[in-house]
PDB file of N, CA and C in Angstrom:
ATOM      1  N   MET A   1     -25.995  26.003  13.212  1.00  0.00           N
ATOM      2  CA  MET A   1     -25.458  25.520  14.463  1.00  0.00           C
ATOM      3  C   MET A   1     -23.946  25.341  14.327  1.00  0.00           C
ATOM      4  N   LYS A   2     -23.181  25.941  15.211  1.00  0.00           N
ATOM      5  CA  LYS A   2     -21.722  25.851  15.174  1.00  0.00           C
ATOM      6  C   LYS A   2     -21.260  24.569  15.843  1.00  0.00           C
ATOM      7  N   THR A   3     -20.347  23.879  15.156  1.00  0.00           N
ATOM      8  CA  THR A   3     -19.780  22.651  15.707  1.00  0.00           C
ATOM      9  C   THR A   3     -18.264  22.700  15.599  1.00  0.00           C
ATOM     10  N   ASN A   4     -17.599  21.998  16.494  1.00  0.00           N
ATOM     11  CA  ASN A   4     -16.159  21.819  16.377  1.00  0.00           C
ATOM     12  C   ASN A   4     -15.930  20.680  15.406  1.00  0.00           C
ATOM     13  N   PHE A   5     -15.167  20.942  14.366  1.00  0.00           N
ATOM     14  CA  PHE A   5     -14.990  19.992  13.288  1.00  0.00           C
ATOM     15  C   PHE A   5     -13.516  19.947  12.885  1.00  0.00           C
ATOM     16  N   SER A   6     -12.958  18.746  12.787  1.00  0.00           N
ATOM     17  CA  SER A   6     -11.584  18.621  12.309  1.00  0.00           C
ATOM     18  C   SER A   6     -11.431  17.362  11.478  1.00  0.00           C
ATOM     19  N   LEU A   7     -10.384  17.357  10.682  1.00  0.00           N
ATOM     20  CA  LEU A   7     -10.135  16.276   9.740  1.00  0.00           C
ATOM     21  C   LEU A   7      -8.653  15.933   9.790  1.00  0.00           C
ATOM     22  N   LEU A   8      -8.325  14.639   9.786  1.00  0.00           N
ATOM     23  CA  LEU A   8      -6.940  14.202   9.882  1.00  0.00           C
ATOM     24  C   LEU A   8      -6.727  12.958   9.036  1.00  0.00           C
ATOM     25  N   PHE A   9      -5.678  12.971   8.220  1.00  0.00           N
ATOM     26  CA  PHE A   9      -5.245  11.771   7.515  1.00  0.00           C
ATOM     27  C   PHE A   9      -4.084  11.182   8.295  1.00  0.00           C
ATOM     28  N   TYR A  10      -4.117   9.879   8.523  1.00  0.00           N
ATOM     29  CA  TYR A  10      -3.027   9.236   9.245  1.00  0.00           C
ATOM     30  C   TYR A  10      -2.809   7.827   8.722  1.00  0.00           C
ATOM     31  N   MET A  11      -1.624   7.302   8.976  1.00  0.00           N
ATOM     32  CA  MET A  11      -1.263   5.963   8.543  1.00  0.00           C
ATOM     33  C   MET A  11      -1.443   5.009   9.726  1.00  0.00           C
ATOM     34  N   LYS A  12      -2.006   3.854   9.438  1.00  0.00           N
ATOM     35  CA  LYS A  12      -2.270   2.877  10.495  1.00  0.00           C
ATOM     36  C   LYS A  12      -1.550   1.577  10.132  1.00  0.00           C
ATOM     37  N   LYS A  13      -0.448   1.319  10.833  1.00  0.00           N
ATOM     38  CA  LYS A  13       0.303   0.096  10.588  1.00  0.00           C
ATOM     39  C   LYS A  13      -0.194  -0.997  11.543  1.00  0.00           C
ATOM     40  N   GLN A  14      -0.166  -2.235  11.059  1.00  0.00           N
ATOM     41  CA  GLN A  14      -0.548  -3.355  11.900  1.00  0.00           C
ATOM     42  C   GLN A  14       0.516  -3.585  12.961  1.00  0.00           C
ATOM     43  N   LYS A  15       0.133  -4.265  14.034  1.00  0.00           N
ATOM     44  CA  LYS A  15       1.084  -4.534  15.109  1.00  0.00           C
ATOM     45  C   LYS A  15       2.251  -5.386  14.628  1.00  0.00           C
ATOM     46  N   ASN A  16       1.979  -6.310  13.716  1.00  0.00           N
ATOM     47  CA  ASN A  16       3.038  -7.186  13.222  1.00  0.00           C
ATOM     48  C   ASN A  16       3.616  -6.678  11.903  1.00  0.00           C
ATOM     49  N   TYR A  17       3.598  -5.385  11.690  1.00  0.00           N
ATOM     50  CA  TYR A  17       4.093  -4.773  10.450  1.00  0.00           C
ATOM     51  C   TYR A  17       5.573  -5.056  10.276  1.00  0.00           C
ATOM     52  N   GLN A  18       5.947  -5.521   9.096  1.00  0.00           N
ATOM     53  CA  GLN A  18       7.350  -5.783   8.782  1.00  0.00           C
ATOM     54  C   GLN A  18       7.875  -4.779   7.757  1.00  0.00           C
ATOM     55  N   SER A  19       7.250  -4.741   6.595  1.00  0.00           N
ATOM     56  CA  SER A  19       7.663  -3.805   5.546  1.00  0.00           C
ATOM     57  C   SER A  19       6.538  -3.675   4.533  1.00  0.00           C
ATOM     58  N   GLY A  20       6.719  -2.746   3.587  1.00  0.00           N
ATOM     59  CA  GLY A  20       5.716  -2.530   2.561  1.00  0.00           C
ATOM     60  C   GLY A  20       4.823  -1.354   2.881  1.00  0.00           C
ATOM     61  N   LYS A  21       3.789  -1.213   2.085  1.00  0.00           N
ATOM     62  CA  LYS A  21       2.870  -0.086   2.235  1.00  0.00           C
ATOM     63  C   LYS A  21       1.873  -0.339   3.368  1.00  0.00           C
ATOM     64  N   ALA A  22       1.398   0.744   3.949  1.00  0.00           N
ATOM     65  CA  ALA A  22       0.408   0.680   5.022  1.00  0.00           C
ATOM     66  C   ALA A  22      -0.796   1.534   4.622  1.00  0.00           C
ATOM     67  N   PRO A  23      -1.993   1.176   5.085  1.00  0.00           N
ATOM     68  CA  PRO A  23      -3.195   1.916   4.695  1.00  0.00           C
ATOM     69  C   PRO A  23      -3.271   3.304   5.325  1.00  0.00           C
ATOM     70  N   ILE A  24      -3.907   4.215   4.597  1.00  0.00           N
ATOM     71  CA  ILE A  24      -4.122   5.583   5.071  1.00  0.00           C
ATOM     72  C   ILE A  24      -5.578   5.699   5.498  1.00  0.00           C
ATOM     73  N   TYR A  25      -5.794   6.247   6.682  1.00  0.00           N
ATOM     74  CA  TYR A  25      -7.137   6.424   7.227  1.00  0.00           C
ATOM     75  C   TYR A  25      -7.471   7.903   7.330  1.00  0.00           C
ATOM     76  N   LEU A  26      -8.754   8.170   7.380  1.00  0.00           N
ATOM     77  CA  LEU A  26      -9.276   9.520   7.554  1.00  0.00           C
ATOM     78  C   LEU A  26     -10.041   9.554   8.866  1.00  0.00           C
ATOM     79  N   ARG A  27      -9.692  10.491   9.733  1.00  0.00           N
ATOM     80  CA  ARG A  27     -10.409  10.666  10.996  1.00  0.00           C
ATOM     81  C   ARG A  27     -11.143  12.000  10.948  1.00  0.00           C
ATOM     82  N   ILE A  28     -12.457  11.929  11.122  1.00  0.00           N
ATOM     83  CA  ILE A  28     -13.284  13.132  11.193  1.00  0.00           C
ATOM     84  C   ILE A  28     -13.744  13.259  12.635  1.00  0.00           C
ATOM     85  N   THR A  29     -13.515  14.410  13.232  1.00  0.00           N
ATOM     86  CA  THR A  29     -13.931  14.658  14.614  1.00  0.00           C
ATOM     87  C   THR A  29     -14.977  15.754  14.615  1.00  0.00           C
ATOM     88  N   VAL A  30     -16.133  15.453  15.191  1.00  0.00           N
ATOM     89  CA  VAL A  30     -17.225  16.414  15.310  1.00  0.00           C
ATOM     90  C   VAL A  30     -17.593  16.508  16.787  1.00  0.00           C
ATOM     91  N   ASP A  31     -17.395  17.676  17.365  1.00  0.00           N
ATOM     92  CA  ASP A  31     -17.680  17.912  18.785  1.00  0.00           C
ATOM     93  C   ASP A  31     -17.061  16.855  19.687  1.00  0.00           C
ATOM     94  N   GLY A  32     -15.813  16.483  19.401  1.00  0.00           N
ATOM     95  CA  GLY A  32     -15.084  15.541  20.245  1.00  0.00           C
ATOM     96  C   GLY A  32     -15.366  14.073  19.971  1.00  0.00           C
ATOM     97  N   LYS A  33     -16.273  13.770  19.058  1.00  0.00           N
ATOM     98  CA  LYS A  33     -16.589  12.382  18.734  1.00  0.00           C
ATOM     99  C   LYS A  33     -15.917  12.030  17.412  1.00  0.00           C
ATOM    100  N   ARG A  34     -15.156  10.927  17.439  1.00  0.00           N
ATOM    101  CA  ARG A  34     -14.348  10.568  16.271  1.00  0.00           C
ATOM    102  C   ARG A  34     -15.026   9.519  15.402  1.00  0.00           C
ATOM    103  N   CYS A  35     -14.736   9.619  14.130  1.00  0.00           N
ATOM    104  CA  CYS A  35     -15.208   8.675  13.123  1.00  0.00           C
ATOM    105  C   CYS A  35     -14.009   8.380  12.225  1.00  0.00           C
ATOM    106  N   GLU A  36     -13.628   7.115  12.110  1.00  0.00           N
ATOM    107  CA  GLU A  36     -12.464   6.753  11.321  1.00  0.00           C
ATOM    108  C   GLU A  36     -12.875   5.840  10.177  1.00  0.00           C
ATOM    109  N   VAL A  37     -12.397   6.159   8.986  1.00  0.00           N
ATOM    110  CA  VAL A  37     -12.678   5.359   7.798  1.00  0.00           C
ATOM    111  C   VAL A  37     -11.398   5.234   6.973  1.00  0.00           C
ATOM    112  N   THR A  38     -11.304   4.168   6.217  1.00  0.00           N
ATOM    113  CA  THR A  38     -10.155   3.996   5.348  1.00  0.00           C
ATOM    114  C   THR A  38     -10.355   4.788   4.062  1.00  0.00           C
ATOM    115  N   THR A  39      -9.262   5.276   3.533  1.00  0.00           N
ATOM    116  CA  THR A  39      -9.330   6.005   2.272  1.00  0.00           C
ATOM    117  C   THR A  39      -9.255   5.048   1.089  1.00  0.00           C
ATOM    118  N   GLY A  40      -8.857   3.821   1.346  1.00  0.00           N
ATOM    119  CA  GLY A  40      -8.701   2.857   0.275  1.00  0.00           C
ATOM    120  C   GLY A  40      -7.356   2.975  -0.431  1.00  0.00           C
ATOM    121  N   ARG A  41      -6.486   3.792   0.105  1.00  0.00           N
ATOM    122  CA  ARG A  41      -5.164   3.997  -0.487  1.00  0.00           C
ATOM    123  C   ARG A  41      -4.083   3.628   0.528  1.00  0.00           C
ATOM    124  N   CYS A  42      -2.889   3.321   0.016  1.00  0.00           N
ATOM    125  CA  CYS A  42      -1.750   2.939   0.857  1.00  0.00           C
ATOM    126  C   CYS A  42      -0.531   3.776   0.499  1.00  0.00           C
ATOM    127  N   CYS A  43       0.432   3.815   1.419  1.00  0.00           N
ATOM    128  CA  CYS A  43       1.657   4.582   1.212  1.00  0.00           C
ATOM    129  C   CYS A  43       2.794   3.895   1.964  1.00  0.00           C
ATOM    130  N   ASP A  44       4.001   4.068   1.474  1.00  0.00           N
ATOM    131  CA  ASP A  44       5.171   3.565   2.175  1.00  0.00           C
ATOM    132  C   ASP A  44       5.394   4.431   3.417  1.00  0.00           C
ATOM    133  N   PRO A  45       5.499   3.823   4.611  1.00  0.00           N
ATOM    134  CA  PRO A  45       5.665   4.616   5.840  1.00  0.00           C
ATOM    135  C   PRO A  45       6.886   5.527   5.841  1.00  0.00           C
ATOM    136  N   VAL A  46       7.916   5.179   5.096  1.00  0.00           N
ATOM    137  CA  VAL A  46       9.116   6.025   5.032  1.00  0.00           C
ATOM    138  C   VAL A  46       8.791   7.359   4.365  1.00  0.00           C
ATOM    139  N   GLN A  47       7.872   7.351   3.414  1.00  0.00           N
ATOM    140  CA  GLN A  47       7.512   8.572   2.681  1.00  0.00           C
ATOM    141  C   GLN A  47       6.395   9.369   3.363  1.00  0.00           C
ATOM    142  N   TRP A  48       5.701   8.806   4.338  1.00  0.00           N
ATOM    143  CA  TRP A  48       4.555   9.464   4.953  1.00  0.00           C
ATOM    144  C   TRP A  48       5.001  10.591   5.884  1.00  0.00           C
ATOM    145  N   ASN A  49       4.368  11.744   5.764  1.00  0.00           N
ATOM    146  CA  ASN A  49       4.624  12.888   6.631  1.00  0.00           C
ATOM    147  C   ASN A  49       3.417  13.063   7.552  1.00  0.00           C
ATOM    148  N   PRO A  50       3.537  12.669   8.831  1.00  0.00           N
ATOM    149  CA  PRO A  50       2.381  12.746   9.729  1.00  0.00           C
ATOM    150  C   PRO A  50       1.944  14.180  10.043  1.00  0.00           C
ATOM    151  N   THR A  51       2.841  15.132   9.948  1.00  0.00           N
ATOM    152  CA  THR A  51       2.494  16.520  10.238  1.00  0.00           C
ATOM    153  C   THR A  51       1.541  17.075   9.183  1.00  0.00           C
ATOM    154  N   SER A  52       1.859  16.825   7.912  1.00  0.00           N
ATOM    155  CA  SER A  52       1.016  17.346   6.836  1.00  0.00           C
ATOM    156  C   SER A  52      -0.104  16.387   6.455  1.00  0.00           C
ATOM    157  N   GLY A  53       0.030  15.115   6.859  1.00  0.00           N
ATOM    158  CA  GLY A  53      -0.963  14.126   6.482  1.00  0.00           C
ATOM    159  C   GLY A  53      -0.909  13.804   4.998  1.00  0.00           C
ATOM    160  N   ARG A  54       0.282  13.889   4.424  1.00  0.00           N
ATOM    161  CA  ARG A  54       0.482  13.629   3.014  1.00  0.00           C
ATOM    162  C   ARG A  54       1.748  12.810   2.823  1.00  0.00           C
ATOM    163  N   CYS A  55       1.906  12.313   1.614  1.00  0.00           N
ATOM    164  CA  CYS A  55       3.065  11.510   1.247  1.00  0.00           C
ATOM    165  C   CYS A  55       4.133  12.422   0.642  1.00  0.00           C
ATOM    166  N   ASN A  56       5.388  12.234   1.027  1.00  0.00           N
ATOM    167  CA  ASN A  56       6.496  13.011   0.479  1.00  0.00           C
ATOM    168  C   ASN A  56       7.027  12.335  -0.772  1.00  0.00           C
ATOM    169  N   GLY A  57       7.455  13.116  -1.733  1.00  0.00           N
ATOM    170  CA  GLY A  57       8.063  12.569  -2.933  1.00  0.00           C
ATOM    171  C   GLY A  57       7.613  13.311  -4.171  1.00  0.00           C
ATOM    172  N   LYS A  58       8.288  13.008  -5.277  1.00  0.00           N
ATOM    173  CA  LYS A  58       7.998  13.710  -6.528  1.00  0.00           C
ATOM    174  C   LYS A  58       7.550  12.762  -7.627  1.00  0.00           C
ATOM    175  N   LYS A  59       7.413  11.479  -7.321  1.00  0.00           N
ATOM    176  CA  LYS A  59       6.963  10.529  -8.332  1.00  0.00           C
ATOM    177  C   LYS A  59       5.493  10.748  -8.647  1.00  0.00           C
ATOM    178  N   GLU A  60       5.088  10.287  -9.813  1.00  0.00           N
ATOM    179  CA  GLU A  60       3.701  10.450 -10.249  1.00  0.00           C
ATOM    180  C   GLU A  60       2.729   9.745  -9.294  1.00  0.00           C
ATOM    181  N   GLU A  61       3.125   8.595  -8.772  1.00  0.00           N
ATOM    182  CA  GLU A  61       2.287   7.846  -7.829  1.00  0.00           C
ATOM    183  C   GLU A  61       2.017   8.668  -6.558  1.00  0.00           C
ATOM    184  N   THR A  62       3.048   9.341  -6.073  1.00  0.00           N
ATOM    185  CA  THR A  62       2.921  10.172  -4.876  1.00  0.00           C
ATOM    186  C   THR A  62       2.039  11.381  -5.143  1.00  0.00           C
ATOM    187  N   LYS A  63       2.230  12.015  -6.283  1.00  0.00           N
ATOM    188  CA  LYS A  63       1.416  13.173  -6.643  1.00  0.00           C
ATOM    189  C   LYS A  63      -0.053  12.782  -6.796  1.00  0.00           C
ATOM    190  N   SER A  64      -0.284  11.618  -7.370  1.00  0.00           N
ATOM    191  CA  SER A  64      -1.649  11.116  -7.545  1.00  0.00           C
ATOM    192  C   SER A  64      -2.309  10.843  -6.196  1.00  0.00           C
ATOM    193  N   LEU A  65      -1.564  10.238  -5.277  1.00  0.00           N
ATOM    194  CA  LEU A  65      -2.089   9.957  -3.937  1.00  0.00           C
ATOM    195  C   LEU A  65      -2.432  11.251  -3.212  1.00  0.00           C
ATOM    196  N   ASN A  66      -1.529  12.218  -3.244  1.00  0.00           N
ATOM    197  CA  ASN A  66      -1.778  13.494  -2.565  1.00  0.00           C
ATOM    198  C   ASN A  66      -2.956  14.245  -3.190  1.00  0.00           C
ATOM    199  N   ALA A  67      -3.088  14.165  -4.509  1.00  0.00           N
ATOM    200  CA  ALA A  67      -4.229  14.800  -5.175  1.00  0.00           C
ATOM    201  C   ALA A  67      -5.536  14.131  -4.746  1.00  0.00           C
ATOM    202  N   TYR A  68      -5.521  12.812  -4.603  1.00  0.00           N
ATOM    203  CA  TYR A  68      -6.698  12.084  -4.133  1.00  0.00           C
ATOM    204  C   TYR A  68      -7.067  12.506  -2.713  1.00  0.00           C
ATOM    205  N   LEU A  69      -6.070  12.614  -1.838  1.00  0.00           N
ATOM    206  CA  LEU A  69      -6.328  13.031  -0.453  1.00  0.00           C
ATOM    207  C   LEU A  69      -6.850  14.468  -0.402  1.00  0.00           C
ATOM    208  N   ASP A  70      -6.311  15.346  -1.244  1.00  0.00           N
ATOM    209  CA  ASP A  70      -6.805  16.728  -1.314  1.00  0.00           C
ATOM    210  C   ASP A  70      -8.259  16.759  -1.759  1.00  0.00           C
ATOM    211  N   ASP A  71      -8.584  15.963  -2.773  1.00  0.00           N
ATOM    212  CA  ASP A  71      -9.952  15.898  -3.278  1.00  0.00           C
ATOM    213  C   ASP A  71     -10.907  15.365  -2.210  1.00  0.00           C
ATOM    214  N   LEU A  72     -10.467  14.337  -1.511  1.00  0.00           N
ATOM    215  CA  LEU A  72     -11.278  13.758  -0.435  1.00  0.00           C
ATOM    216  C   LEU A  72     -11.509  14.779   0.682  1.00  0.00           C
ATOM    217  N   GLN A  73     -10.466  15.506   1.033  1.00  0.00           N
ATOM    218  CA  GLN A  73     -10.576  16.539   2.060  1.00  0.00           C
ATOM    219  C   GLN A  73     -11.561  17.623   1.628  1.00  0.00           C
ATOM    220  N   ASN A  74     -11.481  18.043   0.372  1.00  0.00           N
ATOM    221  CA  ASN A  74     -12.401  19.063  -0.135  1.00  0.00           C
ATOM    222  C   ASN A  74     -13.847  18.580  -0.100  1.00  0.00           C
ATOM    223  N   LYS A  75     -14.080  17.309  -0.433  1.00  0.00           N
ATOM    224  CA  LYS A  75     -15.433  16.769  -0.412  1.00  0.00           C
ATOM    225  C   LYS A  75     -16.002  16.730   1.004  1.00  0.00           C
ATOM    226  N   VAL A  76     -15.183  16.376   1.973  1.00  0.00           N
ATOM    227  CA  VAL A  76     -15.643  16.342   3.365  1.00  0.00           C
ATOM    228  C   VAL A  76     -15.957  17.750   3.854  1.00  0.00           C
ATOM    229  N   PHE A  77     -15.071  18.704   3.556  1.00  0.00           N
ATOM    230  CA  PHE A  77     -15.318  20.088   3.967  1.00  0.00           C
ATOM    231  C   PHE A  77     -16.565  20.660   3.281  1.00  0.00           C
ATOM    232  N   GLU A  78     -16.776  20.302   2.020  1.00  0.00           N
ATOM    233  CA  GLU A  78     -17.964  20.767   1.304  1.00  0.00           C
ATOM    234  C   GLU A  78     -19.231  20.192   1.919  1.00  0.00           C
ATOM    235  N   ALA A  79     -19.203  18.902   2.278  1.00  0.00           N
ATOM    236  CA  ALA A  79     -20.358  18.284   2.933  1.00  0.00           C
ATOM    237  C   ALA A  79     -20.635  18.965   4.270  1.00  0.00           C
ATOM    238  N   HIS A  80     -19.578  19.268   5.006  1.00  0.00           N
ATOM    239  CA  HIS A  80     -19.737  19.965   6.296  1.00  0.00           C
ATOM    240  C   HIS A  80     -20.303  21.365   6.080  1.00  0.00           C
ATOM    241  N   ARG A  81     -19.799  22.075   5.066  1.00  0.00           N
ATOM    242  CA  ARG A  81     -20.291  23.427   4.779  1.00  0.00           C
ATOM    243  C   ARG A  81     -21.773  23.411   4.421  1.00  0.00           C
ATOM    244  N   GLN A  82     -22.180  22.450   3.594  1.00  0.00           N
ATOM    245  CA  GLN A  82     -23.582  22.358   3.201  1.00  0.00           C
ATOM    246  C   GLN A  82     -24.480  22.070   4.402  1.00  0.00           C
ATOM    247  N   LEU A  83     -24.024  21.211   5.289  1.00  0.00           N
ATOM    248  CA  LEU A  83     -24.827  20.902   6.471  1.00  0.00           C
ATOM    249  C   LEU A  83     -24.940  22.106   7.407  1.00  0.00           C
ATOM    250  N   THR A  84     -23.854  22.840   7.565  1.00  0.00           N
ATOM    251  CA  THR A  84     -23.906  24.009   8.447  1.00  0.00           C
ATOM    252  C   THR A  84     -24.701  25.150   7.821  1.00  0.00           C
ATOM    253  N   GLU A  85     -24.674  25.269   6.483  1.00  0.00           N
ATOM    254  CA  GLU A  85     -25.488  26.290   5.817  1.00  0.00           C
ATOM    255  C   GLU A  85     -26.979  26.041   6.016  1.00  0.00           C
ATOM    256  N   LYS A  86     -27.356  24.776   5.949  1.00  0.00           N
ATOM    257  CA  LYS A  86     -28.759  24.406   6.143  1.00  0.00           C
ATOM    258  C   LYS A  86     -29.148  24.425   7.611  1.00  0.00           C
ATOM    259  N   ASP A  87     -28.139  24.632   8.469  1.00  0.00           N
ATOM    260  CA  ASP A  87     -28.338  24.623   9.911  1.00  0.00           C
ATOM    261  C   ASP A  87     -28.814  23.246  10.388  1.00  0.00           C
ATOM    262  N   ASP A  88     -28.388  22.200   9.662  1.00  0.00           N
ATOM    263  CA  ASP A  88     -28.697  20.830  10.071  1.00  0.00           C
ATOM    264  C   ASP A  88     -27.754  20.408  11.185  1.00  0.00           C
ATOM    265  N   THR A  89     -28.217  19.492  11.994  1.00  0.00           N
ATOM    266  CA  THR A  89     -27.387  18.931  13.042  1.00  0.00           C
ATOM    267  C   THR A  89     -26.496  17.865  12.436  1.00  0.00           C
ATOM    268  N   ILE A  90     -25.226  17.919  12.776  1.00  0.00           N
ATOM    269  CA  ILE A  90     -24.296  16.897  12.309  1.00  0.00           C
ATOM    270  C   ILE A  90     -24.319  15.777  13.330  1.00  0.00           C
ATOM    271  N   VAL A  91     -24.686  14.595  12.865  1.00  0.00           N
ATOM    272  CA  VAL A  91     -24.876  13.458  13.756  1.00  0.00           C
ATOM    273  C   VAL A  91     -23.689  12.519  13.634  1.00  0.00           C
ATOM    274  N   TYR A  92     -23.274  11.983  14.764  1.00  0.00           N
ATOM    275  CA  TYR A  92     -22.180  11.029  14.808  1.00  0.00           C
ATOM    276  C   TYR A  92     -22.743   9.639  15.034  1.00  0.00           C
ATOM    277  N   TYR A  93     -22.289   8.694  14.212  1.00  0.00           N
ATOM    278  CA  TYR A  93     -22.638   7.289  14.395  1.00  0.00           C
ATOM    279  C   TYR A  93     -21.347   6.520  14.630  1.00  0.00           C
ATOM    280  N   ALA A  94     -21.345   5.656  15.614  1.00  0.00           N
ATOM    281  CA  ALA A  94     -20.137   4.909  15.973  1.00  0.00           C
ATOM    282  C   ALA A  94     -19.694   3.983  14.846  1.00  0.00           C
ATOM    283  N   ASP A  95     -20.629   3.392  14.125  1.00  0.00           N
ATOM    284  CA  ASP A  95     -20.286   2.467  13.051  1.00  0.00           C
ATOM    285  C   ASP A  95     -20.396   3.212  11.733  1.00  0.00           C
ATOM    286  N   SER A  96     -19.253   3.630  11.182  1.00  0.00           N
ATOM    287  CA  SER A  96     -19.292   4.496  10.004  1.00  0.00           C
ATOM    288  C   SER A  96     -18.552   3.896   8.817  1.00  0.00           C
ATOM    289  N   ARG A  97     -18.569   2.596   8.676  1.00  0.00           N
ATOM    290  CA  ARG A  97     -17.886   1.965   7.552  1.00  0.00           C
ATOM    291  C   ARG A  97     -18.446   2.479   6.231  1.00  0.00           C
ATOM    292  N   HIS A  98     -17.569   2.646   5.268  1.00  0.00           N
ATOM    293  CA  HIS A  98     -17.934   3.029   3.905  1.00  0.00           C
ATOM    294  C   HIS A  98     -18.613   4.393   3.834  1.00  0.00           C
ATOM    295  N   SER A  99     -18.159   5.346   4.603  1.00  0.00           N
ATOM    296  CA  SER A  99     -18.827   6.641   4.598  1.00  0.00           C
ATOM    297  C   SER A  99     -17.968   7.742   3.984  1.00  0.00           C
ATOM    298  N   ILE A 100     -17.189   7.389   2.984  1.00  0.00           N
ATOM    299  CA  ILE A 100     -16.381   8.385   2.280  1.00  0.00           C
ATOM    300  C   ILE A 100     -17.290   9.177   1.347  1.00  0.00           C
ATOM    301  N   PRO A 101     -17.197  10.514   1.350  1.00  0.00           N
ATOM    302  CA  PRO A 101     -18.003  11.298   0.426  1.00  0.00           C
ATOM    303  C   PRO A 101     -17.744  10.872  -1.014  1.00  0.00           C
ATOM    304  N   GLY A 102     -18.784  10.842  -1.816  1.00  0.00           N
ATOM    305  CA  GLY A 102     -18.662  10.414  -3.186  1.00  0.00           C
ATOM    306  C   GLY A 102     -19.028   8.959  -3.378  1.00  0.00           C
ATOM    307  N   GLN A 103     -19.095   8.218  -2.294  1.00  0.00           N
ATOM    308  CA  GLN A 103     -19.537   6.829  -2.351  1.00  0.00           C
ATOM    309  C   GLN A 103     -21.002   6.779  -1.951  1.00  0.00           C
ATOM    310  N   THR A 104     -21.606   5.624  -2.119  1.00  0.00           N
ATOM    311  CA  THR A 104     -22.991   5.445  -1.712  1.00  0.00           C
ATOM    312  C   THR A 104     -23.094   5.665  -0.210  1.00  0.00           C
ATOM    313  N   VAL A 105     -24.038   6.477   0.206  1.00  0.00           N
ATOM    314  CA  VAL A 105     -24.221   6.783   1.614  1.00  0.00           C
ATOM    315  C   VAL A 105     -25.003   5.660   2.279  1.00  0.00           C
ATOM    316  N   HIS A 106     -24.452   5.112   3.325  1.00  0.00           N
ATOM    317  CA  HIS A 106     -25.095   4.054   4.086  1.00  0.00           C
ATOM    318  C   HIS A 106     -25.796   4.663   5.301  1.00  0.00           C
ATOM    319  N   PRO A 107     -26.662   3.927   5.948  1.00  0.00           N
ATOM    320  CA  PRO A 107     -27.389   4.477   7.095  1.00  0.00           C
ATOM    321  C   PRO A 107     -26.478   4.991   8.209  1.00  0.00           C
ATOM    322  N   ASN A 108     -25.279   4.465   8.317  1.00  0.00           N
ATOM    323  CA  ASN A 108     -24.372   4.863   9.389  1.00  0.00           C
ATOM    324  C   ASN A 108     -23.359   5.879   8.869  1.00  0.00           C
ATOM    325  N   PHE A 109     -23.830   7.032   8.456  1.00  0.00           N
ATOM    326  CA  PHE A 109     -22.966   8.049   7.871  1.00  0.00           C
ATOM    327  C   PHE A 109     -22.434   8.960   8.959  1.00  0.00           C
ATOM    328  N   CYS A 110     -21.186   9.343   8.829  1.00  0.00           N
ATOM    329  CA  CYS A 110     -20.491  10.107   9.871  1.00  0.00           C
ATOM    330  C   CYS A 110     -20.918  11.564   9.920  1.00  0.00           C
ATOM    331  N   LEU A 111     -21.170  12.185   8.779  1.00  0.00           N
ATOM    332  CA  LEU A 111     -21.546  13.604   8.784  1.00  0.00           C
ATOM    333  C   LEU A 111     -23.022  13.761   8.709  1.00  0.00           C
TER     334      LEU A 111
END
């Protein structure tokens, strides 16, 4: 079954944000329905590139963060590929806390 599927990493700053690092979130969209989860990682907003969904810089910390995001992206795409190969229906649940691939799957899983 063919589905519209997209993935986006974005930074979510609090309304009262002053300075420091902000959390990075992952948004998975399946047939127009969104599921947002935290990646558990943070980045300085000055270094964040919203177009690429990655952190800019050459420090080891930045390279490690980008490698983690790449790995996370690959795991999500692999899970999507496996579901489409089996011709399973991809189900969207509104409450998708803790549904990062590689973690324990809870009943409210996004993919």
